[in-house]
N, C-alpha and C. Protein backbone atom coordinates (compact mmCIF):
# COMPACT_ATOMS: atom_id res chain seq x y z
N UNK A 1 98.90 75.27 120.73
CA UNK A 1 97.99 76.06 119.91
C UNK A 1 97.03 75.09 119.21
N UNK A 2 95.78 75.49 119.12
CA UNK A 2 94.75 74.62 118.59
C UNK A 2 94.17 75.19 117.30
N UNK A 3 94.93 75.07 116.21
CA UNK A 3 94.46 75.55 114.91
C UNK A 3 93.89 74.40 114.10
N UNK A 4 92.94 74.72 113.23
CA UNK A 4 92.41 73.73 112.31
C UNK A 4 93.56 73.29 111.38
N UNK A 5 93.63 72.01 111.11
CA UNK A 5 94.69 71.49 110.27
C UNK A 5 94.52 72.00 108.83
N UNK A 6 95.63 72.44 108.24
CA UNK A 6 95.56 73.01 106.89
C UNK A 6 95.01 72.00 105.88
N UNK A 7 95.32 70.72 106.06
CA UNK A 7 94.81 69.72 105.10
C UNK A 7 93.28 69.65 105.14
N UNK A 8 92.68 69.85 106.31
CA UNK A 8 91.23 69.91 106.42
C UNK A 8 90.71 71.15 105.70
N UNK A 9 91.41 72.26 105.89
CA UNK A 9 91.03 73.50 105.20
C UNK A 9 91.05 73.30 103.69
N UNK A 10 92.15 72.73 103.18
CA UNK A 10 92.28 72.54 101.73
C UNK A 10 91.15 71.69 101.16
N UNK A 11 90.77 70.65 101.88
CA UNK A 11 89.73 69.74 101.39
C UNK A 11 88.34 70.35 101.48
N UNK A 12 88.11 71.16 102.51
CA UNK A 12 86.74 71.57 102.84
C UNK A 12 86.44 73.04 102.61
N UNK A 13 87.38 73.92 102.89
CA UNK A 13 87.06 75.35 102.97
C UNK A 13 87.81 76.24 101.99
N UNK A 14 88.79 75.70 101.27
CA UNK A 14 89.63 76.51 100.40
C UNK A 14 89.32 76.20 98.94
N UNK A 15 89.25 77.27 98.15
CA UNK A 15 89.12 77.06 96.71
C UNK A 15 90.11 77.98 96.00
N UNK A 16 90.51 77.54 94.83
CA UNK A 16 91.43 78.35 94.02
C UNK A 16 90.62 79.40 93.26
N UNK A 17 91.17 80.59 93.18
CA UNK A 17 90.54 81.69 92.46
C UNK A 17 91.63 82.41 91.66
N UNK A 18 91.20 83.24 90.73
CA UNK A 18 92.16 84.05 89.99
C UNK A 18 92.72 85.12 90.93
N UNK A 19 94.01 85.38 90.79
CA UNK A 19 94.62 86.46 91.56
C UNK A 19 94.09 87.79 91.03
N UNK A 20 93.58 88.61 91.92
CA UNK A 20 93.01 89.91 91.56
C UNK A 20 93.71 90.98 92.39
N UNK A 21 94.76 91.56 91.81
CA UNK A 21 95.57 92.53 92.54
C UNK A 21 94.77 93.76 92.96
N UNK A 22 93.83 94.17 92.12
CA UNK A 22 92.99 95.33 92.47
C UNK A 22 92.15 95.03 93.70
N UNK A 23 91.60 93.83 93.74
CA UNK A 23 90.78 93.44 94.89
C UNK A 23 91.64 93.34 96.15
N UNK A 24 92.82 92.78 96.02
CA UNK A 24 93.75 92.70 97.16
C UNK A 24 94.01 94.12 97.68
N UNK A 25 94.32 95.04 96.77
CA UNK A 25 94.61 96.42 97.17
C UNK A 25 93.41 97.07 97.83
N UNK A 26 92.23 96.81 97.31
CA UNK A 26 91.01 97.39 97.88
C UNK A 26 90.76 96.86 99.29
N UNK A 27 90.93 95.56 99.48
CA UNK A 27 90.75 94.96 100.81
C UNK A 27 91.75 95.57 101.79
N UNK A 28 92.98 95.73 101.36
CA UNK A 28 94.01 96.32 102.23
C UNK A 28 93.64 97.76 102.59
N UNK A 29 93.21 98.55 101.61
CA UNK A 29 92.82 99.94 101.88
C UNK A 29 91.72 100.03 102.94
N UNK A 30 90.69 99.20 102.78
CA UNK A 30 89.58 99.22 103.74
C UNK A 30 90.03 98.76 105.12
N UNK A 31 90.89 97.76 105.17
CA UNK A 31 91.42 97.30 106.45
C UNK A 31 92.20 98.41 107.15
N UNK A 32 92.98 99.16 106.37
CA UNK A 32 93.76 100.25 106.96
C UNK A 32 92.87 101.40 107.43
N UNK A 33 91.75 101.61 106.75
CA UNK A 33 90.79 102.62 107.23
C UNK A 33 90.22 102.19 108.58
N UNK A 34 89.88 100.92 108.70
CA UNK A 34 89.37 100.40 109.98
C UNK A 34 90.45 100.51 111.07
N UNK A 35 91.70 100.24 110.69
CA UNK A 35 92.80 100.36 111.63
C UNK A 35 92.93 101.78 112.14
N UNK A 36 92.83 102.75 111.24
CA UNK A 36 92.90 104.16 111.66
C UNK A 36 91.82 104.46 112.69
N UNK A 37 90.61 103.98 112.44
CA UNK A 37 89.51 104.21 113.37
C UNK A 37 89.82 103.58 114.73
N UNK A 38 90.33 102.36 114.72
CA UNK A 38 90.66 101.68 115.98
C UNK A 38 91.74 102.44 116.75
N UNK A 39 92.75 102.90 116.02
CA UNK A 39 93.86 103.58 116.68
C UNK A 39 93.48 104.97 117.21
N UNK A 40 92.48 105.58 116.59
CA UNK A 40 92.05 106.91 117.02
C UNK A 40 91.02 106.87 118.15
N UNK A 41 90.47 105.71 118.42
CA UNK A 41 89.45 105.58 119.45
C UNK A 41 90.07 105.70 120.83
N UNK A 42 89.47 106.51 121.64
CA UNK A 42 89.91 106.64 123.03
C UNK A 42 89.34 105.46 123.81
N UNK A 43 90.22 104.63 124.35
CA UNK A 43 89.83 103.38 124.96
C UNK A 43 89.27 103.59 126.37
N UNK A 44 88.16 102.90 126.62
CA UNK A 44 87.60 102.84 127.96
C UNK A 44 86.98 101.45 128.14
N UNK A 45 86.56 101.16 129.34
CA UNK A 45 85.99 99.84 129.63
C UNK A 45 84.78 99.53 128.74
N UNK A 46 84.00 100.55 128.40
CA UNK A 46 82.78 100.35 127.63
C UNK A 46 83.03 100.06 126.14
N UNK A 47 84.18 100.47 125.61
CA UNK A 47 84.39 100.27 124.17
C UNK A 47 85.58 99.37 123.82
N UNK A 48 86.31 98.90 124.81
CA UNK A 48 87.52 98.12 124.52
C UNK A 48 87.20 96.87 123.71
N UNK A 49 86.06 96.24 123.96
CA UNK A 49 85.70 95.03 123.21
C UNK A 49 85.58 95.33 121.72
N UNK A 50 85.00 96.47 121.40
CA UNK A 50 84.79 96.82 120.00
C UNK A 50 86.09 97.23 119.31
N UNK A 51 86.98 97.82 120.07
CA UNK A 51 88.28 98.19 119.51
C UNK A 51 89.10 96.93 119.22
N UNK A 52 89.10 95.98 120.15
CA UNK A 52 89.81 94.72 119.91
C UNK A 52 89.18 94.00 118.71
N UNK A 53 87.84 94.04 118.64
CA UNK A 53 87.15 93.44 117.50
C UNK A 53 87.61 94.10 116.20
N UNK A 54 87.74 95.42 116.20
CA UNK A 54 88.23 96.12 115.01
C UNK A 54 89.63 95.66 114.63
N UNK A 55 90.52 95.53 115.62
CA UNK A 55 91.87 95.05 115.33
C UNK A 55 91.82 93.64 114.74
N UNK A 56 90.95 92.80 115.28
CA UNK A 56 90.82 91.44 114.75
C UNK A 56 90.32 91.48 113.31
N UNK A 57 89.32 92.29 113.04
CA UNK A 57 88.77 92.36 111.68
C UNK A 57 89.83 92.88 110.71
N UNK A 58 90.65 93.83 111.13
CA UNK A 58 91.75 94.30 110.29
C UNK A 58 92.67 93.13 109.94
N UNK A 59 93.06 92.37 110.95
CA UNK A 59 93.95 91.23 110.73
C UNK A 59 93.28 90.19 109.84
N UNK A 60 92.02 89.89 110.11
CA UNK A 60 91.28 88.91 109.30
C UNK A 60 91.21 89.35 107.84
N UNK A 61 90.89 90.61 107.61
CA UNK A 61 90.79 91.10 106.24
C UNK A 61 92.15 91.08 105.54
N UNK A 62 93.20 91.40 106.28
CA UNK A 62 94.54 91.32 105.69
C UNK A 62 94.90 89.88 105.35
N UNK A 63 94.46 88.94 106.19
CA UNK A 63 94.70 87.53 105.88
C UNK A 63 93.88 87.09 104.65
N UNK A 64 92.67 87.63 104.49
CA UNK A 64 91.88 87.37 103.28
C UNK A 64 92.68 87.84 102.06
N UNK A 65 93.23 89.05 102.15
CA UNK A 65 94.03 89.60 101.04
C UNK A 65 95.28 88.76 100.79
N UNK A 66 95.90 88.28 101.86
CA UNK A 66 97.11 87.45 101.77
C UNK A 66 96.81 86.16 101.00
N UNK A 67 95.71 85.51 101.32
CA UNK A 67 95.33 84.31 100.58
C UNK A 67 94.97 84.64 99.14
N UNK A 68 94.21 85.70 98.96
CA UNK A 68 93.77 86.09 97.62
C UNK A 68 94.97 86.38 96.72
N UNK A 69 95.98 87.00 97.30
CA UNK A 69 97.21 87.27 96.55
C UNK A 69 97.84 85.98 96.03
N UNK A 70 97.59 84.89 96.74
CA UNK A 70 98.13 83.58 96.34
C UNK A 70 97.12 82.77 95.52
N UNK A 71 95.99 83.39 95.18
CA UNK A 71 94.99 82.70 94.37
C UNK A 71 94.12 81.74 95.17
N UNK A 72 93.92 82.05 96.46
CA UNK A 72 93.12 81.19 97.33
C UNK A 72 92.01 82.00 98.00
N UNK A 73 90.91 81.31 98.27
CA UNK A 73 89.78 81.93 98.99
C UNK A 73 89.33 80.93 100.04
N UNK A 74 89.02 81.43 101.25
CA UNK A 74 88.61 80.56 102.35
C UNK A 74 87.19 80.87 102.78
N UNK A 75 86.43 79.82 103.07
CA UNK A 75 85.09 79.97 103.62
C UNK A 75 85.11 79.94 105.14
N UNK A 76 86.28 79.86 105.73
CA UNK A 76 86.42 79.67 107.18
C UNK A 76 87.53 80.58 107.71
N UNK A 77 87.20 81.40 108.70
CA UNK A 77 88.19 82.31 109.27
C UNK A 77 89.36 81.57 109.91
N UNK A 78 89.09 80.43 110.50
CA UNK A 78 90.17 79.69 111.15
C UNK A 78 91.20 79.21 110.13
N UNK A 79 90.75 78.96 108.92
CA UNK A 79 91.68 78.53 107.86
C UNK A 79 92.61 79.67 107.43
N UNK A 80 92.16 80.90 107.59
CA UNK A 80 93.03 82.04 107.31
C UNK A 80 94.24 82.00 108.24
N UNK A 81 93.97 81.73 109.52
CA UNK A 81 95.04 81.66 110.53
C UNK A 81 95.93 80.45 110.25
N UNK A 82 95.31 79.33 109.91
CA UNK A 82 96.05 78.11 109.62
C UNK A 82 97.01 78.32 108.44
N UNK A 83 96.53 79.00 107.40
CA UNK A 83 97.38 79.28 106.23
C UNK A 83 98.54 80.19 106.62
N UNK A 84 98.23 81.24 107.38
CA UNK A 84 99.28 82.16 107.83
C UNK A 84 100.38 81.38 108.56
N UNK A 85 99.97 80.50 109.47
CA UNK A 85 100.95 79.73 110.25
C UNK A 85 101.70 78.73 109.37
N UNK A 86 100.99 78.09 108.44
CA UNK A 86 101.63 77.13 107.53
C UNK A 86 102.73 77.82 106.72
N UNK A 87 102.44 79.02 106.22
CA UNK A 87 103.39 79.73 105.38
C UNK A 87 104.47 80.46 106.19
N UNK A 88 104.21 80.65 107.48
CA UNK A 88 105.15 81.39 108.34
C UNK A 88 105.31 80.63 109.66
N UNK A 89 105.91 79.45 109.62
CA UNK A 89 105.99 78.61 110.83
C UNK A 89 106.77 79.25 111.98
N UNK A 90 107.56 80.25 111.68
CA UNK A 90 108.30 80.95 112.72
C UNK A 90 107.41 81.97 113.45
N UNK A 91 106.16 82.10 113.03
CA UNK A 91 105.23 83.07 113.61
C UNK A 91 104.18 82.38 114.48
N UNK A 92 104.59 81.39 115.24
CA UNK A 92 103.64 80.66 116.09
C UNK A 92 103.00 81.58 117.12
N UNK A 93 103.77 82.45 117.74
CA UNK A 93 103.22 83.37 118.73
C UNK A 93 102.18 84.29 118.12
N UNK A 94 102.45 84.79 116.93
CA UNK A 94 101.51 85.68 116.25
C UNK A 94 100.23 84.93 115.88
N UNK A 95 100.38 83.70 115.36
CA UNK A 95 99.21 82.89 115.01
C UNK A 95 98.37 82.59 116.24
N UNK A 96 99.03 82.31 117.33
CA UNK A 96 98.33 82.04 118.59
C UNK A 96 97.54 83.26 119.04
N UNK A 97 98.14 84.44 118.95
CA UNK A 97 97.43 85.66 119.37
C UNK A 97 96.24 85.93 118.46
N UNK A 98 96.39 85.74 117.14
CA UNK A 98 95.28 85.94 116.22
C UNK A 98 94.15 84.98 116.57
N UNK A 99 94.50 83.75 116.88
CA UNK A 99 93.50 82.75 117.25
C UNK A 99 92.78 83.16 118.54
N UNK A 100 93.53 83.70 119.49
CA UNK A 100 92.92 84.17 120.74
C UNK A 100 91.99 85.36 120.47
N UNK A 101 92.40 86.24 119.58
CA UNK A 101 91.54 87.37 119.21
C UNK A 101 90.24 86.86 118.59
N UNK A 102 90.35 85.86 117.74
CA UNK A 102 89.17 85.27 117.10
C UNK A 102 88.24 84.68 118.15
N UNK A 103 88.81 83.98 119.12
CA UNK A 103 88.01 83.42 120.21
C UNK A 103 87.25 84.51 120.95
N UNK A 104 87.96 85.57 121.34
CA UNK A 104 87.31 86.67 122.06
C UNK A 104 86.24 87.34 121.21
N UNK A 105 86.53 87.52 119.92
CA UNK A 105 85.55 88.15 119.04
C UNK A 105 84.28 87.29 118.93
N UNK A 106 84.46 85.99 118.82
CA UNK A 106 83.30 85.10 118.76
C UNK A 106 82.50 85.12 120.06
N UNK A 107 83.18 85.17 121.19
CA UNK A 107 82.48 85.25 122.48
C UNK A 107 81.69 86.56 122.58
N UNK A 108 82.27 87.62 122.05
CA UNK A 108 81.57 88.92 122.02
C UNK A 108 80.34 88.83 121.13
N UNK A 109 80.52 88.31 119.92
CA UNK A 109 79.44 88.30 118.94
C UNK A 109 78.32 87.32 119.25
N UNK A 110 78.67 86.16 119.79
CA UNK A 110 77.66 85.12 120.00
C UNK A 110 77.10 85.07 121.41
N UNK A 111 77.86 85.56 122.38
CA UNK A 111 77.43 85.46 123.78
C UNK A 111 77.37 86.80 124.50
N UNK A 112 77.78 87.86 123.83
CA UNK A 112 77.75 89.18 124.45
C UNK A 112 78.77 89.36 125.56
N UNK A 113 79.83 88.57 125.54
CA UNK A 113 80.86 88.66 126.58
C UNK A 113 81.88 89.73 126.23
N UNK A 114 82.23 90.54 127.22
CA UNK A 114 83.23 91.58 127.01
C UNK A 114 84.61 90.98 126.83
N UNK A 115 85.43 91.67 126.06
CA UNK A 115 86.84 91.33 125.94
C UNK A 115 87.56 92.07 127.06
N UNK A 116 88.36 91.37 127.82
CA UNK A 116 89.01 92.02 128.98
C UNK A 116 89.95 93.17 128.58
N UNK A 117 89.86 94.25 129.32
CA UNK A 117 90.76 95.40 129.12
C UNK A 117 92.21 94.94 129.20
N UNK A 118 92.49 93.98 130.08
CA UNK A 118 93.85 93.49 130.27
C UNK A 118 94.40 92.87 128.97
N UNK A 119 93.53 92.19 128.23
CA UNK A 119 93.96 91.59 126.96
C UNK A 119 94.40 92.68 125.99
N UNK A 120 93.61 93.74 125.90
CA UNK A 120 93.96 94.86 125.04
C UNK A 120 95.27 95.50 125.50
N UNK A 121 95.37 95.81 126.77
CA UNK A 121 96.56 96.49 127.29
C UNK A 121 97.82 95.66 127.10
N UNK A 122 97.69 94.36 127.30
CA UNK A 122 98.85 93.47 127.18
C UNK A 122 99.28 93.28 125.72
N UNK A 123 98.32 93.35 124.78
CA UNK A 123 98.61 92.94 123.41
C UNK A 123 98.50 94.03 122.34
N UNK A 124 98.15 95.26 122.70
CA UNK A 124 97.93 96.31 121.70
C UNK A 124 99.12 96.45 120.75
N UNK A 125 100.30 96.50 121.29
CA UNK A 125 101.48 96.65 120.43
C UNK A 125 101.66 95.42 119.53
N UNK A 126 101.32 94.26 120.06
CA UNK A 126 101.41 93.03 119.26
C UNK A 126 100.39 93.04 118.12
N UNK A 127 99.18 93.57 118.38
CA UNK A 127 98.18 93.70 117.31
C UNK A 127 98.79 94.47 116.15
N UNK A 128 99.38 95.61 116.47
CA UNK A 128 99.93 96.47 115.44
C UNK A 128 101.14 95.83 114.76
N UNK A 129 101.93 95.09 115.52
CA UNK A 129 103.08 94.38 114.96
C UNK A 129 102.63 93.30 113.97
N UNK A 130 101.59 92.56 114.31
CA UNK A 130 101.07 91.52 113.42
C UNK A 130 100.51 92.14 112.15
N UNK A 131 99.83 93.26 112.30
CA UNK A 131 99.29 93.96 111.12
C UNK A 131 100.42 94.36 110.18
N UNK A 132 101.49 94.92 110.73
CA UNK A 132 102.64 95.31 109.90
C UNK A 132 103.27 94.08 109.23
N UNK A 133 103.36 93.00 109.97
CA UNK A 133 103.92 91.76 109.43
C UNK A 133 103.10 91.27 108.23
N UNK A 134 101.78 91.20 108.39
CA UNK A 134 100.93 90.70 107.30
C UNK A 134 100.95 91.66 106.11
N UNK A 135 100.95 92.96 106.40
CA UNK A 135 101.07 93.93 105.30
C UNK A 135 102.34 93.68 104.50
N UNK A 136 103.43 93.42 105.18
CA UNK A 136 104.69 93.13 104.50
C UNK A 136 104.60 91.87 103.65
N UNK A 137 103.92 90.86 104.15
CA UNK A 137 103.75 89.61 103.39
C UNK A 137 102.91 89.86 102.13
N UNK A 138 101.90 90.71 102.25
CA UNK A 138 101.04 91.02 101.11
C UNK A 138 101.79 91.85 100.08
N UNK A 139 102.50 92.86 100.55
CA UNK A 139 103.17 93.80 99.65
C UNK A 139 104.35 93.15 98.94
N UNK A 140 104.88 92.10 99.54
CA UNK A 140 105.98 91.37 98.93
C UNK A 140 105.44 90.59 97.74
N UNK A 141 105.55 91.17 96.56
CA UNK A 141 105.09 90.47 95.37
C UNK A 141 103.88 91.10 94.70
N UNK A 142 103.32 92.16 95.27
CA UNK A 142 102.21 92.83 94.58
C UNK A 142 102.78 93.82 93.60
């Protein structure tokens, strides 16, 4: 797995902030609204890229809330994944999948490349499992 080193994140992209439980809750609420939309979308070849992108944004926003709950803010999406993995070293597979989702989302956004239907079909349940996992990490202590 090729994640940015957490020590680089700490030096360059992470800053300490006040813990704001209301903001954490608001970010989680909006992420869950996006999740509902993704789950209700009828998947086809023409929209699968956008649905996977929605799942990624849900995970990314939940990771933002996870860091914020700990009094941290990141200027870099890759550092969100790095922090998740640092704090949950037993979740290497999940961190790898999030990183792969980020890669596909960037290819979609910057190059207009479709996300393969096979990726969605193979990983849809894992997307939802990772979301539940991060929600549990956030709710533990709020």
